[in-house]
Amino acid sequence: MQQIPLESGGNMAFEVGKITRQIRDIAKSHKIPVFLGCQINRGNQTTADKRPNRHLLRNSGEIFEVCDQLIMLYRNSVYSNDSSDRTIELIVEKNRLYGKLGTATMLCDLSTSKFLNLAR
């Protein structure tokens, strides 16, 4: 999201809101899902559990207002330096479409970027 060029001299929060609304309108008119990646600030580095939350998104107010779903990713192996840990948490912060919030833990194959169900 932060790599989209903004109009010169524009207000960043306004520009992000305008662009995300345009992308959402295109997705709705073509009836296709659109996924946008967004950078978070490093505020989670100061918390005990290091998990991201919506307040760490840059220009989070605009993004949170426009999006239908907000899913944040967390990999414990980044902080534990355990290269054998292949789990990833999908933290659902907003879910306008289905309403359920929470965290799903899955396996992640980083070589193919696939998410796999955990064997139970």
N, C-alpha and C. Protein backbone atom coordinates (compact mmCIF):
# COMPACT_ATOMS: atom_id res chain seq x y z
N MET A 1 0.82 -1.18 0.00
CA MET A 1 0.00 0.00 0.00
C MET A 1 0.86 1.25 0.00
N GLN A 2 1.94 1.23 0.80
CA GLN A 2 2.78 2.42 0.88
C GLN A 2 3.60 2.67 -0.38
N GLN A 3 3.62 1.71 -1.30
CA GLN A 3 4.40 1.87 -2.52
C GLN A 3 3.61 2.56 -3.64
N ILE A 4 2.31 2.79 -3.43
CA ILE A 4 1.50 3.47 -4.43
C ILE A 4 1.89 4.95 -4.43
N PRO A 5 2.23 5.49 -5.60
CA PRO A 5 2.64 6.90 -5.64
C PRO A 5 1.48 7.83 -5.29
N LEU A 6 1.76 8.80 -4.44
CA LEU A 6 0.75 9.76 -4.03
C LEU A 6 0.93 11.05 -4.80
N GLU A 7 -0.16 11.82 -4.89
CA GLU A 7 -0.05 13.12 -5.53
C GLU A 7 0.86 14.00 -4.68
N SER A 8 1.67 14.80 -5.35
CA SER A 8 2.64 15.60 -4.62
C SER A 8 1.93 16.60 -3.70
N GLY A 9 2.46 16.72 -2.50
CA GLY A 9 1.93 17.68 -1.53
C GLY A 9 0.63 17.26 -0.88
N GLY A 10 0.17 16.04 -1.17
CA GLY A 10 -1.11 15.60 -0.61
C GLY A 10 -0.99 15.15 0.83
N ASN A 11 -2.10 15.19 1.54
CA ASN A 11 -2.18 14.68 2.89
C ASN A 11 -2.17 13.15 2.82
N MET A 12 -1.23 12.52 3.49
CA MET A 12 -1.04 11.07 3.38
C MET A 12 -2.30 10.30 3.76
N ALA A 13 -2.94 10.63 4.88
CA ALA A 13 -4.14 9.92 5.31
C ALA A 13 -5.26 10.09 4.29
N PHE A 14 -5.43 11.29 3.76
CA PHE A 14 -6.46 11.54 2.75
C PHE A 14 -6.18 10.74 1.49
N GLU A 15 -4.93 10.75 1.05
CA GLU A 15 -4.54 10.04 -0.17
C GLU A 15 -4.74 8.54 -0.03
N VAL A 16 -4.35 7.98 1.11
CA VAL A 16 -4.53 6.55 1.35
C VAL A 16 -6.01 6.20 1.31
N GLY A 17 -6.83 7.02 1.95
CA GLY A 17 -8.27 6.79 1.93
C GLY A 17 -8.85 6.84 0.53
N LYS A 18 -8.42 7.83 -0.24
CA LYS A 18 -8.91 7.98 -1.62
C LYS A 18 -8.52 6.77 -2.47
N ILE A 19 -7.29 6.34 -2.37
CA ILE A 19 -6.81 5.22 -3.17
C ILE A 19 -7.50 3.92 -2.77
N THR A 20 -7.63 3.68 -1.47
CA THR A 20 -8.28 2.43 -1.04
C THR A 20 -9.75 2.41 -1.43
N ARG A 21 -10.41 3.56 -1.41
CA ARG A 21 -11.81 3.60 -1.86
C ARG A 21 -11.91 3.32 -3.36
N GLN A 22 -10.99 3.86 -4.14
CA GLN A 22 -10.99 3.60 -5.58
C GLN A 22 -10.76 2.12 -5.86
N ILE A 23 -9.82 1.52 -5.17
CA ILE A 23 -9.54 0.09 -5.36
C ILE A 23 -10.75 -0.74 -4.95
N ARG A 24 -11.39 -0.36 -3.85
CA ARG A 24 -12.58 -1.09 -3.40
C ARG A 24 -13.70 -0.97 -4.44
N ASP A 25 -13.90 0.21 -5.01
CA ASP A 25 -14.93 0.39 -6.04
C ASP A 25 -14.66 -0.47 -7.27
N ILE A 26 -13.41 -0.55 -7.68
CA ILE A 26 -13.04 -1.39 -8.83
C ILE A 26 -13.33 -2.87 -8.51
N ALA A 27 -12.95 -3.30 -7.32
CA ALA A 27 -13.19 -4.69 -6.92
C ALA A 27 -14.68 -5.01 -6.91
N LYS A 28 -15.48 -4.10 -6.39
CA LYS A 28 -16.93 -4.33 -6.34
C LYS A 28 -17.54 -4.34 -7.73
N SER A 29 -17.11 -3.44 -8.58
CA SER A 29 -17.70 -3.38 -9.92
C SER A 29 -17.35 -4.61 -10.76
N HIS A 30 -16.19 -5.20 -10.52
CA HIS A 30 -15.78 -6.40 -11.24
C HIS A 30 -16.06 -7.69 -10.47
N LYS A 31 -16.59 -7.53 -9.26
CA LYS A 31 -16.93 -8.67 -8.39
C LYS A 31 -15.74 -9.61 -8.18
N ILE A 32 -14.61 -8.98 -7.84
CA ILE A 32 -13.39 -9.75 -7.58
C ILE A 32 -12.81 -9.34 -6.21
N PRO A 33 -12.17 -10.27 -5.52
CA PRO A 33 -11.50 -9.87 -4.28
C PRO A 33 -10.17 -9.19 -4.60
N VAL A 34 -9.82 -8.23 -3.80
CA VAL A 34 -8.53 -7.55 -3.94
C VAL A 34 -7.86 -7.57 -2.57
N PHE A 35 -6.62 -7.98 -2.57
CA PHE A 35 -5.84 -8.03 -1.34
C PHE A 35 -4.76 -6.96 -1.40
N LEU A 36 -4.70 -6.14 -0.39
CA LEU A 36 -3.66 -5.11 -0.32
C LEU A 36 -2.76 -5.41 0.87
N GLY A 37 -1.48 -5.37 0.64
CA GLY A 37 -0.53 -5.51 1.74
C GLY A 37 -0.22 -4.14 2.29
N CYS A 38 -0.01 -4.07 3.57
CA CYS A 38 0.25 -2.78 4.21
C CYS A 38 1.33 -2.94 5.26
N GLN A 39 2.19 -1.99 5.32
CA GLN A 39 3.29 -1.99 6.27
C GLN A 39 2.79 -1.52 7.64
N ILE A 40 3.30 -2.14 8.70
CA ILE A 40 2.99 -1.65 10.04
C ILE A 40 4.21 -0.92 10.58
N ASN A 41 3.97 -0.04 11.54
CA ASN A 41 5.13 0.60 12.17
C ASN A 41 5.73 -0.38 13.18
N ARG A 42 6.82 -0.03 13.75
CA ARG A 42 7.55 -0.97 14.60
C ARG A 42 7.12 -0.91 16.07
N GLY A 43 5.93 -0.38 16.33
CA GLY A 43 5.43 -0.30 17.69
C GLY A 43 5.27 -1.65 18.36
N ASN A 44 5.04 -2.69 17.56
CA ASN A 44 4.88 -4.02 18.16
C ASN A 44 6.19 -4.53 18.75
N GLN A 45 7.31 -3.96 18.38
CA GLN A 45 8.59 -4.39 18.92
C GLN A 45 8.70 -4.10 20.42
N THR A 46 7.90 -3.15 20.90
CA THR A 46 7.97 -2.77 22.31
C THR A 46 6.98 -3.54 23.17
N THR A 47 6.09 -4.32 22.55
CA THR A 47 5.11 -5.09 23.33
C THR A 47 5.69 -6.45 23.69
N ALA A 48 5.11 -7.06 24.72
CA ALA A 48 5.61 -8.35 25.20
C ALA A 48 5.40 -9.47 24.19
N ASP A 49 4.22 -9.52 23.54
CA ASP A 49 3.94 -10.66 22.65
C ASP A 49 4.27 -10.39 21.18
N LYS A 50 4.60 -9.17 20.82
CA LYS A 50 5.03 -8.79 19.47
C LYS A 50 3.95 -8.93 18.39
N ARG A 51 2.73 -9.27 18.76
CA ARG A 51 1.67 -9.46 17.76
C ARG A 51 1.21 -8.11 17.23
N PRO A 52 0.93 -8.06 15.93
CA PRO A 52 0.46 -6.80 15.34
C PRO A 52 -0.99 -6.53 15.72
N ASN A 53 -1.38 -5.27 15.66
CA ASN A 53 -2.78 -4.90 15.80
C ASN A 53 -3.05 -3.73 14.86
N ARG A 54 -4.30 -3.41 14.67
CA ARG A 54 -4.66 -2.41 13.65
C ARG A 54 -4.12 -1.03 13.94
N HIS A 55 -3.82 -0.74 15.19
CA HIS A 55 -3.30 0.58 15.53
C HIS A 55 -1.87 0.78 15.04
N LEU A 56 -1.22 -0.31 14.64
CA LEU A 56 0.15 -0.22 14.14
C LEU A 56 0.22 0.02 12.64
N LEU A 57 -0.93 -0.04 11.96
CA LEU A 57 -0.95 0.23 10.52
C LEU A 57 -0.70 1.71 10.28
N ARG A 58 0.07 2.01 9.29
CA ARG A 58 0.25 3.40 8.93
C ARG A 58 -1.05 3.90 8.31
N ASN A 59 -1.52 5.05 8.74
CA ASN A 59 -2.79 5.62 8.30
C ASN A 59 -3.93 4.65 8.55
N SER A 60 -3.91 4.03 9.74
CA SER A 60 -4.84 2.95 10.04
C SER A 60 -6.30 3.35 10.04
N GLY A 61 -6.60 4.57 10.38
CA GLY A 61 -8.00 4.99 10.40
C GLY A 61 -8.65 4.87 9.05
N GLU A 62 -7.98 5.34 8.03
CA GLU A 62 -8.52 5.28 6.67
C GLU A 62 -8.60 3.85 6.17
N ILE A 63 -7.57 3.08 6.40
CA ILE A 63 -7.54 1.70 5.93
C ILE A 63 -8.61 0.89 6.63
N PHE A 64 -8.71 1.04 7.95
CA PHE A 64 -9.69 0.27 8.72
C PHE A 64 -11.12 0.64 8.33
N GLU A 65 -11.36 1.89 8.03
CA GLU A 65 -12.70 2.35 7.64
C GLU A 65 -13.13 1.75 6.31
N VAL A 66 -12.24 1.66 5.35
CA VAL A 66 -12.58 1.24 4.00
C VAL A 66 -12.61 -0.28 3.83
N CYS A 67 -11.73 -0.98 4.49
CA CYS A 67 -11.60 -2.42 4.24
C CYS A 67 -12.81 -3.21 4.74
N ASP A 68 -13.06 -4.33 4.07
CA ASP A 68 -14.10 -5.26 4.51
C ASP A 68 -13.52 -6.24 5.53
N GLN A 69 -12.28 -6.62 5.31
CA GLN A 69 -11.60 -7.54 6.22
C GLN A 69 -10.19 -7.02 6.48
N LEU A 70 -9.75 -7.18 7.70
CA LEU A 70 -8.37 -6.83 8.05
C LEU A 70 -7.78 -8.05 8.74
N ILE A 71 -6.83 -8.67 8.09
CA ILE A 71 -6.18 -9.87 8.61
C ILE A 71 -4.69 -9.57 8.73
N MET A 72 -4.18 -9.72 9.93
CA MET A 72 -2.77 -9.45 10.18
C MET A 72 -2.05 -10.78 10.39
N LEU A 73 -0.81 -10.84 9.95
CA LEU A 73 -0.02 -12.07 10.05
C LEU A 73 1.04 -11.94 11.13
N TYR A 74 1.25 -13.04 11.84
CA TYR A 74 2.28 -13.08 12.88
C TYR A 74 2.99 -14.42 12.84
N ARG A 75 4.31 -14.37 12.75
CA ARG A 75 5.13 -15.59 12.79
C ARG A 75 6.05 -15.52 14.00
N ASN A 76 5.82 -16.39 14.96
CA ASN A 76 6.61 -16.42 16.18
C ASN A 76 8.08 -16.71 15.88
N SER A 77 8.36 -17.48 14.84
CA SER A 77 9.74 -17.87 14.53
C SER A 77 10.62 -16.65 14.23
N VAL A 78 10.03 -15.55 13.81
CA VAL A 78 10.80 -14.33 13.55
C VAL A 78 11.44 -13.83 14.84
N TYR A 79 10.72 -13.97 15.95
CA TYR A 79 11.19 -13.44 17.23
C TYR A 79 11.89 -14.49 18.08
N SER A 80 11.58 -15.77 17.87
CA SER A 80 12.19 -16.83 18.67
C SER A 80 13.45 -17.39 18.01
N ASN A 81 13.69 -17.03 16.76
CA ASN A 81 14.82 -17.55 15.99
C ASN A 81 14.79 -19.07 15.88
N ASP A 82 13.59 -19.64 15.90
CA ASP A 82 13.41 -21.08 15.74
C ASP A 82 13.02 -21.34 14.29
N SER A 83 14.00 -21.70 13.47
CA SER A 83 13.74 -21.88 12.04
C SER A 83 12.86 -23.09 11.74
N SER A 84 12.68 -23.99 12.71
CA SER A 84 11.83 -25.16 12.47
C SER A 84 10.34 -24.84 12.70
N ASP A 85 10.05 -23.72 13.32
CA ASP A 85 8.66 -23.33 13.59
C ASP A 85 8.05 -22.79 12.29
N ARG A 86 7.11 -23.55 11.74
CA ARG A 86 6.48 -23.17 10.47
C ARG A 86 5.07 -22.64 10.66
N THR A 87 4.70 -22.33 11.91
CA THR A 87 3.34 -21.84 12.15
C THR A 87 3.23 -20.35 11.86
N ILE A 88 2.04 -19.96 11.51
CA ILE A 88 1.73 -18.56 11.29
C ILE A 88 0.33 -18.31 11.85
N GLU A 89 0.16 -17.16 12.48
CA GLU A 89 -1.15 -16.78 13.00
C GLU A 89 -1.78 -15.77 12.05
N LEU A 90 -3.04 -16.00 11.72
CA LEU A 90 -3.83 -15.05 10.96
C LEU A 90 -4.78 -14.41 11.95
N ILE A 91 -4.54 -13.17 12.27
CA ILE A 91 -5.31 -12.45 13.29
C ILE A 91 -6.36 -11.60 12.58
N VAL A 92 -7.63 -11.96 12.72
CA VAL A 92 -8.72 -11.24 12.06
C VAL A 92 -9.15 -10.10 12.97
N GLU A 93 -8.81 -8.87 12.56
CA GLU A 93 -9.13 -7.67 13.34
C GLU A 93 -10.47 -7.07 12.91
N LYS A 94 -10.87 -7.28 11.67
CA LYS A 94 -12.15 -6.77 11.17
C LYS A 94 -12.67 -7.77 10.15
N ASN A 95 -13.98 -8.01 10.20
CA ASN A 95 -14.57 -8.96 9.27
C ASN A 95 -16.01 -8.54 8.97
N ARG A 96 -16.14 -7.56 8.11
CA ARG A 96 -17.44 -7.02 7.75
C ARG A 96 -18.28 -8.06 7.02
N LEU A 97 -17.65 -8.96 6.29
CA LEU A 97 -18.37 -9.92 5.47
C LEU A 97 -18.98 -11.06 6.28
N TYR A 98 -18.24 -11.59 7.25
CA TYR A 98 -18.71 -12.76 7.97
C TYR A 98 -18.85 -12.53 9.47
N GLY A 99 -18.33 -11.43 9.96
CA GLY A 99 -18.55 -11.04 11.34
C GLY A 99 -17.67 -11.66 12.40
N LYS A 100 -17.05 -12.79 12.15
CA LYS A 100 -16.26 -13.45 13.18
C LYS A 100 -14.85 -12.87 13.25
N LEU A 101 -14.39 -12.65 14.47
CA LEU A 101 -13.04 -12.17 14.73
C LEU A 101 -12.29 -13.24 15.51
N GLY A 102 -10.98 -13.19 15.47
CA GLY A 102 -10.20 -14.15 16.23
C GLY A 102 -8.90 -14.47 15.52
N THR A 103 -8.27 -15.54 15.97
CA THR A 103 -6.97 -15.94 15.44
C THR A 103 -7.01 -17.38 14.98
N ALA A 104 -6.48 -17.61 13.79
CA ALA A 104 -6.34 -18.97 13.26
C ALA A 104 -4.85 -19.25 13.14
N THR A 105 -4.43 -20.40 13.62
CA THR A 105 -3.03 -20.80 13.50
C THR A 105 -2.93 -21.85 12.41
N MET A 106 -2.01 -21.62 11.48
CA MET A 106 -1.84 -22.52 10.34
C MET A 106 -0.35 -22.78 10.14
N LEU A 107 -0.07 -23.74 9.28
CA LEU A 107 1.30 -23.96 8.84
C LEU A 107 1.55 -23.10 7.61
N CYS A 108 2.76 -22.66 7.46
CA CYS A 108 3.10 -21.82 6.32
C CYS A 108 4.31 -22.42 5.61
N ASP A 109 4.15 -22.66 4.32
CA ASP A 109 5.27 -23.10 3.49
C ASP A 109 5.82 -21.85 2.82
N LEU A 110 6.90 -21.31 3.36
CA LEU A 110 7.44 -20.04 2.87
C LEU A 110 8.03 -20.15 1.47
N SER A 111 8.39 -21.34 1.04
CA SER A 111 8.96 -21.49 -0.30
C SER A 111 7.90 -21.29 -1.38
N THR A 112 6.64 -21.57 -1.05
CA THR A 112 5.55 -21.40 -2.02
C THR A 112 4.48 -20.41 -1.55
N SER A 113 4.65 -19.88 -0.34
CA SER A 113 3.68 -18.97 0.27
C SER A 113 2.30 -19.60 0.42
N LYS A 114 2.27 -20.88 0.71
CA LYS A 114 1.00 -21.58 0.93
C LYS A 114 0.71 -21.66 2.42
N PHE A 115 -0.57 -21.53 2.75
CA PHE A 115 -1.03 -21.77 4.10
C PHE A 115 -1.68 -23.14 4.13
N LEU A 116 -1.34 -23.92 5.14
CA LEU A 116 -1.83 -25.29 5.27
C LEU A 116 -2.51 -25.47 6.62
N ASN A 117 -3.56 -26.30 6.67
CA ASN A 117 -4.22 -26.59 7.93
C ASN A 117 -3.28 -27.36 8.85
N LEU A 118 -3.35 -27.04 10.12
CA LEU A 118 -2.59 -27.80 11.11
C LEU A 118 -3.24 -29.15 11.32
N ALA A 119 -2.45 -30.20 11.41
CA ALA A 119 -3.00 -31.53 11.71
C ALA A 119 -3.43 -31.54 13.16
N ARG A 120 -4.63 -32.01 13.42
CA ARG A 120 -5.15 -32.03 14.80
C ARG A 120 -5.29 -33.43 15.27
